Amino acid sequence: MDGPVSAGHVCLLARLDDDVAPEELFHQISARLHLAPILRRRLRMPTLPMGRPWWIDDISFDLDRHLSAVDLGGSADDAALHDEVARYAAEQLPRDRPLWHLRLVRGLAGRRGAMVTKMHHCAVDGVGGRDLLALLFGTDIPPDSPAPSWTPGDGPGRTERFAHRVTDVSSWVASAWRLEGKALGVTPSTLLRVTRQTAASFADGLERLIEHDDRPTPIPEATRTGPAPQTPFNAAISADRAFATVTFPLAASRRLRRSTGVTANDVLLASCAGALRSWLAARDALPQTPLIALVPIAISGDLAAGEFNRFTLTLCPLPTHVGTARGRLAFSHAAMQHAKREPTIPSTTLTDIAAVTGPGLASLLTQAAAQLHLADRVHLPFNLMISNVPAPAQRLSVGRRAAVLGTHPFPPLVDGLGLTICAQGYAGGLDVGVASCATLVPDPGELRALLAAAHDELIELE
């Protein structure tokens, strides 16, 4: 995903209730680096064109190169903080060191603090990033504990490098055969077919859900034809970013969820649909068919020690075409139930695609697509990404006394995908980050306000 106008890292804004000195952060990370080996490993690029990078210990690891601080002057508001996060998110991570960085943001009004994390998606996914933060900032280890000694590995020897090349070749052949056998399964036309089948199966679930309410509610049309509709944020992106945040207290939707049987994620999807419906209608750009959301889903099961990345992808119709809040909630619930049962792009397919393309070809394709503005002519089979990461098991703190108040995600944007709405649970709330290409959606704060209004409308159903 790294290219001239895109970067493949995931950022997260952690709001703090107090200012933190850079040396406090340094000591806290030092004491816990041994818990996450991925933080001291860098990529070794393959020698064969079809080979994949692999992780090796960084023998010249220097923590100072992964930490920085910026001072916004002492009275900076949320708008200034969001602008700083957007600038930081647009900067790519250097490839000559482990692919992560943390930045303290100081000088906020009311002696508040903030920390922005940046970790490449090849190392962590959303849930993995949450778990990694829990290791680094959980309250079970004092922030000034002594750092255990660490000695990097010597790196791969000649025999190991040769064995890796042989494995790369065999992996490439096996992946190519698998993809050939299911080639139609990874083409946009088949993704659209899966979406149509998904939407066509919604009717029963919608009817059962709406029957929870005594008042007659029309069942929205739940069929999908044609591709994902075109929107103002589905075009070639620039390198400029914009960001806004909002928090939904989970307690506010508890009665609604209990009475209807929906989940907090269903409420998020319905809120997104309501907000996008209003935003698009105001621009005379509201499609008659549902938008299509790309939804990452974490894969359950134990990961290997130090592993933080395992997920699959699915497509989920988003009821922007439904005029009532109750209908949007019903549609979202039924759509997500089906999407979880039948992921559109399994993790095995993602692995096979990565193996066949290799980093060299993938990089060339990314650069060519950006330079040719290919996303203005060839549209993705989805309109935006929506994700929801469950809350960590514990509260987090940074430095000696600063408690984390909220965690707002800023995931990657790619050509043709100029908007994401992603949430992470924390401390009884759902912290939402609205990230956009500033050229396509210059004011995500407008969408944030519409999200809050759509969420309030759902709460008022009870």
Protein backbone atom coordinates (compact mmCIF):
# COMPACT_ATOMS: atom_id res chain seq x y z
CA MET A 1 0.00 0.00 0.00
CA ASP A 2 3.03 2.32 0.13
CA GLY A 3 3.10 4.64 -2.86
CA PRO A 4 3.45 8.27 -3.95
CA VAL A 5 0.09 9.25 -2.40
CA SER A 6 -0.53 6.45 0.10
CA ALA A 7 1.10 4.79 3.07
CA GLY A 8 0.38 1.37 4.53
CA HIS A 9 0.63 2.20 8.21
CA VAL A 10 -2.11 2.43 10.85
CA CYS A 11 -2.15 5.45 13.16
CA LEU A 12 -3.95 5.81 16.46
CA LEU A 13 -4.61 8.98 18.43
CA ALA A 14 -4.48 8.36 22.19
CA ARG A 15 -5.88 11.25 24.21
CA LEU A 16 -4.23 11.74 27.61
CA ASP A 17 -5.48 13.51 30.72
CA ASP A 18 -2.05 15.02 31.42
CA ASP A 19 1.12 16.14 29.72
CA VAL A 20 3.93 13.57 29.33
CA ALA A 21 7.64 14.32 29.09
CA PRO A 22 9.56 12.57 26.28
CA GLU A 23 11.94 10.88 28.75
CA GLU A 24 8.95 9.28 30.53
CA LEU A 25 7.80 7.73 27.28
CA PHE A 26 11.33 6.56 26.48
CA HIS A 27 11.72 4.74 29.80
CA GLN A 28 8.28 3.15 29.57
CA ILE A 29 8.90 1.76 26.08
CA SER A 30 12.40 0.59 27.00
CA ALA A 31 11.06 -1.47 29.89
CA ARG A 32 8.60 -3.32 27.67
CA LEU A 33 10.32 -3.78 24.32
CA HIS A 34 11.15 -7.38 25.19
CA LEU A 35 7.42 -8.18 25.22
CA ALA A 36 7.03 -7.37 21.50
CA PRO A 37 9.97 -8.58 19.36
CA ILE A 38 8.33 -7.14 16.23
CA LEU A 39 9.29 -3.67 17.49
CA ARG A 40 12.99 -4.53 17.12
CA ARG A 41 12.75 -6.24 13.76
CA ARG A 42 13.08 -4.71 10.33
CA LEU A 43 12.34 -6.01 6.86
CA ARG A 44 14.96 -7.78 4.80
CA MET A 45 14.06 -7.44 1.14
CA PRO A 46 14.20 -10.58 -1.05
CA THR A 47 16.76 -11.18 -3.77
CA LEU A 48 14.30 -12.90 -6.11
CA PRO A 49 11.61 -10.87 -7.92
CA MET A 50 8.80 -13.08 -6.62
CA GLY A 51 10.22 -13.34 -3.11
CA ARG A 52 8.63 -11.79 -0.08
CA PRO A 53 10.34 -9.69 2.60
CA TRP A 54 11.05 -11.32 5.94
CA TRP A 55 11.71 -10.08 9.44
CA ILE A 56 15.22 -9.92 10.92
CA ASP A 57 16.53 -8.33 14.13
CA ASP A 58 17.72 -4.77 13.65
CA ILE A 59 21.33 -4.93 14.83
CA SER A 60 21.52 -1.11 14.93
CA PHE A 61 18.21 -0.60 16.73
CA ASP A 62 17.96 2.83 18.35
CA LEU A 63 14.80 3.69 20.30
CA ASP A 64 15.43 7.40 19.85
CA ARG A 65 14.74 6.98 16.11
CA HIS A 66 11.21 5.75 16.92
CA LEU A 67 10.10 8.47 19.34
CA SER A 68 9.50 12.18 18.79
CA ALA A 69 7.58 15.07 20.31
CA VAL A 70 5.88 18.18 18.98
CA ASP A 71 4.66 21.21 20.94
CA LEU A 72 1.53 22.98 19.68
CA GLY A 73 2.04 26.07 21.84
CA GLY A 74 0.09 25.55 25.06
CA SER A 75 -3.51 26.32 24.05
CA ALA A 76 -4.11 24.09 21.02
CA ASP A 77 -7.68 22.86 20.52
CA ASP A 78 -9.04 19.66 18.97
CA ALA A 79 -8.86 21.12 15.46
CA ALA A 80 -5.13 21.79 15.83
CA LEU A 81 -4.62 18.30 17.26
CA HIS A 82 -6.50 16.72 14.35
CA ASP A 83 -4.41 18.71 11.86
CA GLU A 84 -1.21 17.49 13.51
CA VAL A 85 -2.40 13.88 13.40
CA ALA A 86 -3.27 14.25 9.70
CA ARG A 87 0.20 15.64 8.89
CA TYR A 88 1.87 12.87 10.87
CA ALA A 89 -0.24 10.16 9.21
CA ALA A 90 0.80 11.36 5.75
CA GLU A 91 4.51 10.74 6.46
CA GLN A 92 5.79 7.31 5.44
CA LEU A 93 7.85 5.12 7.75
CA PRO A 94 11.52 4.66 6.77
CA ARG A 95 12.25 1.15 5.52
CA ASP A 96 15.74 0.92 7.03
CA ARG A 97 14.44 0.35 10.57
CA PRO A 98 11.52 -1.35 12.36
CA LEU A 99 8.27 -0.07 10.90
CA TRP A 100 6.80 1.92 13.77
CA HIS A 101 7.00 5.32 15.42
CA LEU A 102 5.38 7.14 18.36
CA ARG A 103 4.89 10.90 18.66
CA LEU A 104 4.00 12.85 21.79
CA VAL A 105 1.82 15.90 21.18
CA ARG A 106 2.29 18.58 23.81
CA GLY A 107 0.98 22.10 24.24
CA LEU A 108 -2.72 21.27 24.25
CA ALA A 109 -5.21 23.42 26.15
CA GLY A 110 -5.84 22.48 29.77
CA ARG A 111 -2.49 20.68 30.16
CA ARG A 112 -3.91 17.75 28.26
CA GLY A 113 -1.62 15.50 26.31
CA ALA A 114 -1.81 13.17 23.33
CA MET A 115 0.22 10.41 21.76
CA VAL A 116 -0.02 9.25 18.16
CA THR A 117 1.17 5.76 17.26
CA LYS A 118 2.18 4.76 13.74
CA MET A 119 2.64 1.05 12.93
CA HIS A 120 2.80 -0.52 9.51
CA HIS A 121 -0.01 -2.88 8.57
CA CYS A 122 2.48 -5.56 7.51
CA ALA A 123 3.37 -5.87 11.22
CA VAL A 124 0.04 -5.33 12.99
CA ASP A 125 -3.67 -5.25 12.18
CA GLY A 126 -6.30 -3.38 14.20
CA VAL A 127 -6.69 -5.97 16.95
CA GLY A 128 -2.94 -6.60 16.96
CA GLY A 129 -2.29 -2.89 17.40
CA ARG A 130 -4.68 -2.80 20.33
CA ASP A 131 -2.94 -5.76 21.98
CA LEU A 132 0.47 -4.23 21.34
CA LEU A 133 -0.62 -0.99 23.02
CA ALA A 134 -1.84 -3.02 26.00
CA LEU A 135 1.62 -4.58 26.30
CA LEU A 136 3.37 -1.21 26.11
CA PHE A 137 0.99 0.91 28.15
CA GLY A 138 -0.90 -1.49 30.40
CA THR A 139 -0.85 -0.60 34.08
CA ASP A 140 0.61 -3.91 35.28
CA ILE A 141 4.27 -2.85 34.76
CA PRO A 142 5.62 0.37 36.35
CA PRO A 143 6.66 2.81 33.59
CA ASP A 144 10.14 3.25 35.08
CA SER A 145 10.93 -0.47 35.47
CA PRO A 146 14.48 -1.44 34.37
CA ALA A 147 14.75 -2.59 30.79
CA PRO A 148 15.82 -6.24 30.33
CA SER A 149 18.99 -6.72 28.31
CA TRP A 150 18.58 -7.61 24.65
CA THR A 151 21.02 -8.97 22.12
CA PRO A 152 19.99 -8.96 18.45
CA GLY A 153 20.35 -12.08 16.37
CA ASP A 154 23.20 -12.36 13.90
CA GLY A 155 20.86 -12.43 10.95
CA PRO A 156 20.40 -15.19 8.39
CA GLY A 157 23.48 -17.09 7.28
CA ARG A 158 24.21 -18.23 3.75
CA THR A 159 22.42 -21.56 4.18
CA GLU A 160 19.36 -19.92 5.68
CA ARG A 161 19.23 -17.34 2.88
CA PHE A 162 19.40 -20.09 0.27
CA ALA A 163 16.67 -22.06 2.03
CA HIS A 164 14.52 -18.93 2.11
CA ARG A 165 14.91 -18.49 -1.65
CA VAL A 166 13.85 -22.09 -2.24
CA THR A 167 10.84 -21.59 0.03
CA ASP A 168 9.93 -18.38 -1.82
CA VAL A 169 9.94 -20.18 -5.17
CA SER A 170 7.83 -23.10 -3.94
CA SER A 171 5.45 -20.70 -2.18
CA TRP A 172 5.10 -18.65 -5.37
CA VAL A 173 4.25 -21.73 -7.45
CA ALA A 174 1.73 -23.03 -4.91
CA SER A 175 0.05 -19.64 -4.55
CA ALA A 176 -0.13 -19.18 -8.32
CA TRP A 177 -1.87 -22.55 -8.71
CA ARG A 178 -4.37 -21.74 -5.98
CA LEU A 179 -5.17 -18.35 -7.45
CA GLU A 180 -5.58 -19.83 -10.93
CA GLY A 181 -8.04 -22.36 -9.53
CA LYS A 182 -10.17 -19.60 -8.00
CA ALA A 183 -9.23 -16.71 -10.27
CA LEU A 184 -12.80 -15.55 -10.59
CA GLY A 185 -13.01 -15.40 -6.83
CA VAL A 186 -10.71 -12.40 -6.63
CA THR A 187 -12.04 -10.34 -9.54
CA PRO A 188 -14.31 -7.33 -9.06
CA SER A 189 -17.12 -9.00 -11.02
CA THR A 190 -17.24 -11.88 -8.59
CA LEU A 191 -17.03 -9.56 -5.60
CA LEU A 192 -20.10 -7.83 -7.00
CA ARG A 193 -21.82 -11.18 -7.48
CA VAL A 194 -21.09 -12.09 -3.86
CA THR A 195 -22.47 -8.71 -2.81
CA ARG A 196 -25.67 -9.31 -4.73
CA GLN A 197 -26.07 -12.74 -3.16
CA THR A 198 -25.41 -11.22 0.24
CA ALA A 199 -28.05 -8.54 -0.20
CA ALA A 200 -30.63 -10.96 -1.59
CA SER A 201 -30.48 -13.07 1.59
CA PHE A 202 -31.25 -10.16 3.91
CA ALA A 203 -35.04 -10.17 3.72
CA ASP A 204 -35.73 -12.85 6.35
CA GLY A 205 -33.34 -11.31 8.86
CA LEU A 206 -34.76 -7.85 8.28
CA GLU A 207 -38.31 -9.04 8.80
CA ARG A 208 -37.45 -10.86 12.03
CA LEU A 209 -35.59 -7.87 13.42
CA ILE A 210 -38.26 -5.33 12.57
CA GLU A 211 -40.87 -7.53 14.27
CA HIS A 212 -39.24 -6.55 17.59
CA ASP A 213 -41.15 -3.28 17.24
CA ASP A 214 -44.95 -3.08 17.45
CA ARG A 215 -45.15 -0.15 15.05
CA PRO A 216 -45.37 -1.04 11.38
CA THR A 217 -42.06 -0.41 9.64
CA PRO A 218 -41.59 -0.98 5.93
CA ILE A 219 -38.89 -3.51 5.10
CA PRO A 220 -36.29 -1.76 2.91
CA GLU A 221 -35.51 -3.16 -0.47
CA ALA A 222 -32.56 -5.50 0.09
CA THR A 223 -31.38 -6.35 -3.39
CA ARG A 224 -28.12 -5.16 -4.95
CA THR A 225 -27.51 -4.83 -8.65
CA GLY A 226 -24.51 -3.45 -10.43
CA PRO A 227 -21.20 -2.22 -9.03
CA ALA A 228 -20.54 -0.14 -5.94
CA PRO A 229 -22.05 3.28 -6.75
CA GLN A 230 -19.72 6.14 -7.50
CA THR A 231 -19.30 8.85 -4.83
CA PRO A 232 -17.19 12.02 -4.48
CA PHE A 233 -14.68 10.14 -2.29
CA ASN A 234 -14.13 7.28 -4.75
CA ALA A 235 -11.46 8.79 -7.00
CA ALA A 236 -7.71 9.20 -7.27
CA ILE A 237 -6.40 10.51 -3.96
CA SER A 238 -3.69 13.02 -3.11
CA ALA A 239 -1.08 12.75 -0.36
CA ASP A 240 -2.94 15.25 1.87
CA ARG A 241 -4.97 13.92 4.80
CA ALA A 242 -7.69 15.22 7.11
CA PHE A 243 -9.00 13.82 10.39
CA ALA A 244 -11.83 14.21 12.88
CA THR A 245 -12.97 12.24 15.94
CA VAL A 246 -16.09 11.52 17.95
CA THR A 247 -16.87 9.18 20.87
CA PHE A 248 -20.11 7.23 21.34
CA PRO A 249 -20.79 6.11 24.94
CA LEU A 250 -21.81 2.44 24.77
CA ALA A 251 -24.22 2.96 27.65
CA ALA A 252 -26.29 5.28 25.46
CA SER A 253 -27.23 2.47 23.06
CA ARG A 254 -27.57 -0.31 25.66
CA ARG A 255 -31.38 -0.25 25.85
CA LEU A 256 -31.67 -0.11 22.06
CA ARG A 257 -29.35 -3.09 21.65
CA ARG A 258 -31.15 -5.14 24.28
CA SER A 259 -34.61 -4.48 22.86
CA THR A 260 -33.72 -5.18 19.23
CA GLY A 261 -30.96 -7.77 19.52
CA VAL A 262 -28.49 -5.69 17.52
CA THR A 263 -24.81 -5.19 18.36
CA ALA A 264 -22.75 -2.08 18.98
CA ASN A 265 -21.19 -2.65 15.56
CA ASP A 266 -24.66 -2.66 13.97
CA VAL A 267 -25.33 0.70 15.62
CA LEU A 268 -22.02 2.00 14.23
CA LEU A 269 -22.85 0.81 10.70
CA ALA A 270 -26.34 2.32 10.83
CA SER A 271 -24.89 5.61 12.13
CA CYS A 272 -22.38 5.65 9.28
CA ALA A 273 -25.16 4.99 6.78
CA GLY A 274 -27.26 7.83 8.16
CA ALA A 275 -24.34 10.26 8.17
CA LEU A 276 -23.22 9.37 4.65
CA ARG A 277 -26.78 9.57 3.38
CA SER A 278 -27.05 13.17 4.66
CA TRP A 279 -23.57 14.10 3.44
CA LEU A 280 -24.16 12.76 -0.07
CA ALA A 281 -27.68 14.20 -0.31
CA ALA A 282 -26.33 17.66 0.54
CA ARG A 283 -24.06 17.35 -2.51
CA ASP A 284 -26.76 15.94 -4.77
CA ALA A 285 -24.69 12.74 -4.96
CA LEU A 286 -26.82 10.20 -3.08
CA PRO A 287 -27.00 6.91 -5.05
CA GLN A 288 -30.22 4.95 -5.21
CA THR A 289 -28.38 1.75 -4.32
CA PRO A 290 -26.46 0.99 -1.10
CA LEU A 291 -22.87 1.97 -0.65
CA ILE A 292 -20.53 -0.97 -0.14
CA ALA A 293 -18.29 -1.05 2.93
CA LEU A 294 -15.03 -3.00 3.14
CA VAL A 295 -15.00 -4.52 6.63
CA PRO A 296 -11.92 -6.18 8.17
CA ILE A 297 -12.69 -9.06 10.53
CA ALA A 298 -10.18 -10.42 13.04
CA ILE A 299 -9.54 -14.15 12.83
CA SER A 300 -10.09 -15.90 16.14
CA GLY A 301 -7.54 -18.27 17.62
CA ASP A 302 -4.17 -18.00 19.29
CA LEU A 303 -1.39 -16.21 17.44
CA ALA A 304 2.26 -17.12 17.69
CA ALA A 305 4.33 -15.24 20.27
CA GLY A 306 5.03 -11.74 19.01
CA GLU A 307 2.53 -12.03 16.13
CA PHE A 308 -0.04 -9.22 15.81
CA ASN A 309 -1.47 -9.53 12.31
CA ARG A 310 -4.19 -11.91 11.14
CA PHE A 311 -7.44 -10.81 9.56
CA THR A 312 -9.82 -11.36 6.67
CA LEU A 313 -11.94 -8.98 4.61
CA THR A 314 -15.59 -8.92 3.69
CA LEU A 315 -17.95 -6.63 1.80
CA CYS A 316 -21.08 -5.34 3.50
CA PRO A 317 -23.85 -3.28 1.84
CA LEU A 318 -24.47 -0.05 3.75
CA PRO A 319 -28.11 1.16 3.84
CA THR A 320 -27.57 4.72 2.62
CA HIS A 321 -30.63 4.20 0.41
CA VAL A 322 -32.95 3.61 3.42
CA GLY A 323 -34.83 6.67 4.65
CA THR A 324 -35.51 5.72 8.29
CA ALA A 325 -33.15 5.17 11.19
CA ARG A 326 -35.00 2.00 12.21
CA GLY A 327 -34.79 0.59 8.71
CA ARG A 328 -31.05 1.37 8.50
CA LEU A 329 -30.45 -0.41 11.80
CA ALA A 330 -32.39 -3.48 10.66
CA PHE A 331 -30.57 -3.60 7.35
CA SER A 332 -27.15 -3.18 8.99
CA HIS A 333 -27.81 -6.00 11.44
CA ALA A 334 -28.87 -8.47 8.74
CA ALA A 335 -26.06 -7.40 6.39
CA MET A 336 -23.33 -7.87 8.96
CA GLN A 337 -24.66 -11.24 10.12
CA HIS A 338 -24.32 -12.57 6.59
CA ALA A 339 -20.95 -10.87 5.97
CA LYS A 340 -19.43 -12.56 9.02
CA ARG A 341 -20.62 -15.97 7.85
CA GLU A 342 -19.19 -15.60 4.36
CA PRO A 343 -16.05 -13.41 4.19
CA THR A 344 -15.48 -12.14 0.66
CA ILE A 345 -11.68 -12.23 0.69
CA PRO A 346 -10.26 -14.91 3.03
CA SER A 347 -6.85 -14.36 4.59
CA THR A 348 -5.46 -17.26 2.52
CA THR A 349 -6.30 -15.38 -0.67
CA LEU A 350 -4.58 -12.24 0.63
CA THR A 351 -1.49 -14.31 1.38
CA ASP A 352 -1.52 -15.90 -2.07
CA ILE A 353 -1.85 -12.53 -3.83
CA ALA A 354 1.07 -11.16 -1.80
CA ALA A 355 3.18 -14.22 -2.66
CA VAL A 356 2.50 -14.02 -6.40
CA THR A 357 2.95 -10.27 -6.89
CA GLY A 358 6.00 -9.85 -4.67
CA PRO A 359 7.07 -6.46 -3.25
CA GLY A 360 8.75 -5.24 -6.45
CA LEU A 361 5.75 -5.75 -8.72
CA ALA A 362 3.30 -4.54 -6.07
CA SER A 363 5.28 -1.32 -5.62
CA LEU A 364 5.41 -0.71 -9.38
CA LEU A 365 1.66 -1.25 -9.68
CA THR A 366 0.96 1.13 -6.80
CA GLN A 367 3.16 3.85 -8.29
CA ALA A 368 1.73 3.40 -11.79
CA ALA A 369 -1.86 3.56 -10.52
CA ALA A 370 -1.14 6.82 -8.69
CA GLN A 371 0.70 8.46 -11.60
CA LEU A 372 -1.97 7.48 -14.12
CA HIS A 373 -4.86 8.44 -11.77
CA LEU A 374 -6.21 4.99 -12.50
CA ALA A 375 -8.77 5.27 -9.69
CA ASP A 376 -10.59 7.96 -11.70
CA ARG A 377 -11.34 5.40 -14.41
CA VAL A 378 -11.34 1.98 -12.72
CA HIS A 379 -13.44 1.92 -9.57
CA LEU A 380 -13.04 -0.35 -6.59
CA PRO A 381 -15.87 -2.78 -5.69
CA PHE A 382 -16.37 -0.91 -2.39
CA ASN A 383 -16.83 2.73 -1.38
CA LEU A 384 -15.18 3.04 2.02
CA MET A 385 -13.72 1.01 4.85
CA ILE A 386 -15.50 0.68 8.19
CA SER A 387 -13.88 -1.22 11.04
CA ASN A 388 -14.54 -1.69 14.74
CA VAL A 389 -11.85 -3.00 17.10
CA PRO A 390 -13.08 -4.33 20.48
CA ALA A 391 -11.84 -2.66 23.65
CA PRO A 392 -8.68 -3.85 25.41
CA ALA A 393 -9.07 -5.77 28.64
CA GLN A 394 -7.46 -3.03 30.74
CA ARG A 395 -7.03 0.71 31.00
CA LEU A 396 -3.85 2.24 29.58
CA SER A 397 -1.49 4.90 30.90
CA VAL A 398 1.50 6.78 29.47
CA GLY A 399 4.40 7.94 31.58
CA ARG A 400 4.11 8.21 35.35
CA ARG A 401 0.61 9.60 35.67
CA ALA A 402 -1.15 10.29 32.34
CA ALA A 403 -4.22 8.11 31.84
CA VAL A 404 -5.40 7.32 28.33
CA LEU A 405 -8.88 8.79 27.83
CA GLY A 406 -9.63 7.56 24.32
CA THR A 407 -8.12 5.83 21.28
CA HIS A 408 -9.16 7.00 17.81
CA PRO A 409 -7.92 5.04 14.73
CA PHE A 410 -6.53 6.52 11.53
CA PRO A 411 -6.14 3.60 9.07
CA PRO A 412 -4.52 3.71 5.61
CA LEU A 413 -6.13 5.28 2.56
CA VAL A 414 -5.42 3.98 -0.93
CA ASP A 415 -6.17 5.17 -4.44
CA GLY A 416 -9.92 5.10 -5.04
CA LEU A 417 -10.63 4.91 -1.30
CA GLY A 418 -10.66 8.47 0.01
CA LEU A 419 -12.61 7.89 3.23
CA THR A 420 -12.53 5.53 6.19
CA ILE A 421 -14.64 5.49 9.36
CA CYS A 422 -13.02 3.30 11.98
CA ALA A 423 -13.66 2.80 15.68
CA GLN A 424 -11.92 1.27 18.66
CA GLY A 425 -13.59 0.45 21.95
CA TYR A 426 -12.11 1.87 25.12
CA ALA A 427 -13.30 2.58 28.67
CA GLY A 428 -17.01 2.18 27.96
CA GLY A 429 -16.96 4.18 24.74
CA LEU A 430 -16.57 3.69 21.02
CA ASP A 431 -13.85 6.06 19.81
CA VAL A 432 -14.40 6.84 16.13
CA GLY A 433 -11.86 8.30 13.72
CA VAL A 434 -13.00 9.80 10.41
CA ALA A 435 -10.00 9.87 8.06
CA SER A 436 -10.09 11.27 4.55
CA CYS A 437 -8.10 12.46 1.60
CA ALA A 438 -8.22 16.22 2.10
CA THR A 439 -8.65 16.79 -1.64
CA LEU A 440 -11.81 14.65 -1.83
CA VAL A 441 -13.29 15.23 1.65
CA PRO A 442 -11.66 18.41 2.97
CA ASP A 443 -13.78 18.65 6.14
CA PRO A 444 -14.30 15.32 7.91
CA GLY A 445 -15.58 17.38 10.84
CA GLU A 446 -18.84 17.76 8.91
CA LEU A 447 -19.14 13.98 8.70
CA ARG A 448 -18.29 13.72 12.41
CA ALA A 449 -21.22 15.99 13.24
CA LEU A 450 -23.52 14.00 10.97
CA LEU A 451 -22.34 10.78 12.63
CA ALA A 452 -23.22 12.15 16.05
CA ALA A 453 -26.65 13.23 14.80
CA ALA A 454 -27.33 9.83 13.17
CA HIS A 455 -26.26 8.06 16.37
CA ASP A 456 -28.57 10.26 18.46
CA GLU A 457 -31.43 9.50 16.08
CA LEU A 458 -30.94 5.77 16.65
CA ILE A 459 -30.81 6.21 20.43
CA GLU A 460 -34.09 8.13 20.32
CA LEU A 461 -35.82 5.08 18.82
CA GLU A 462 -36.13 3.86 22.41
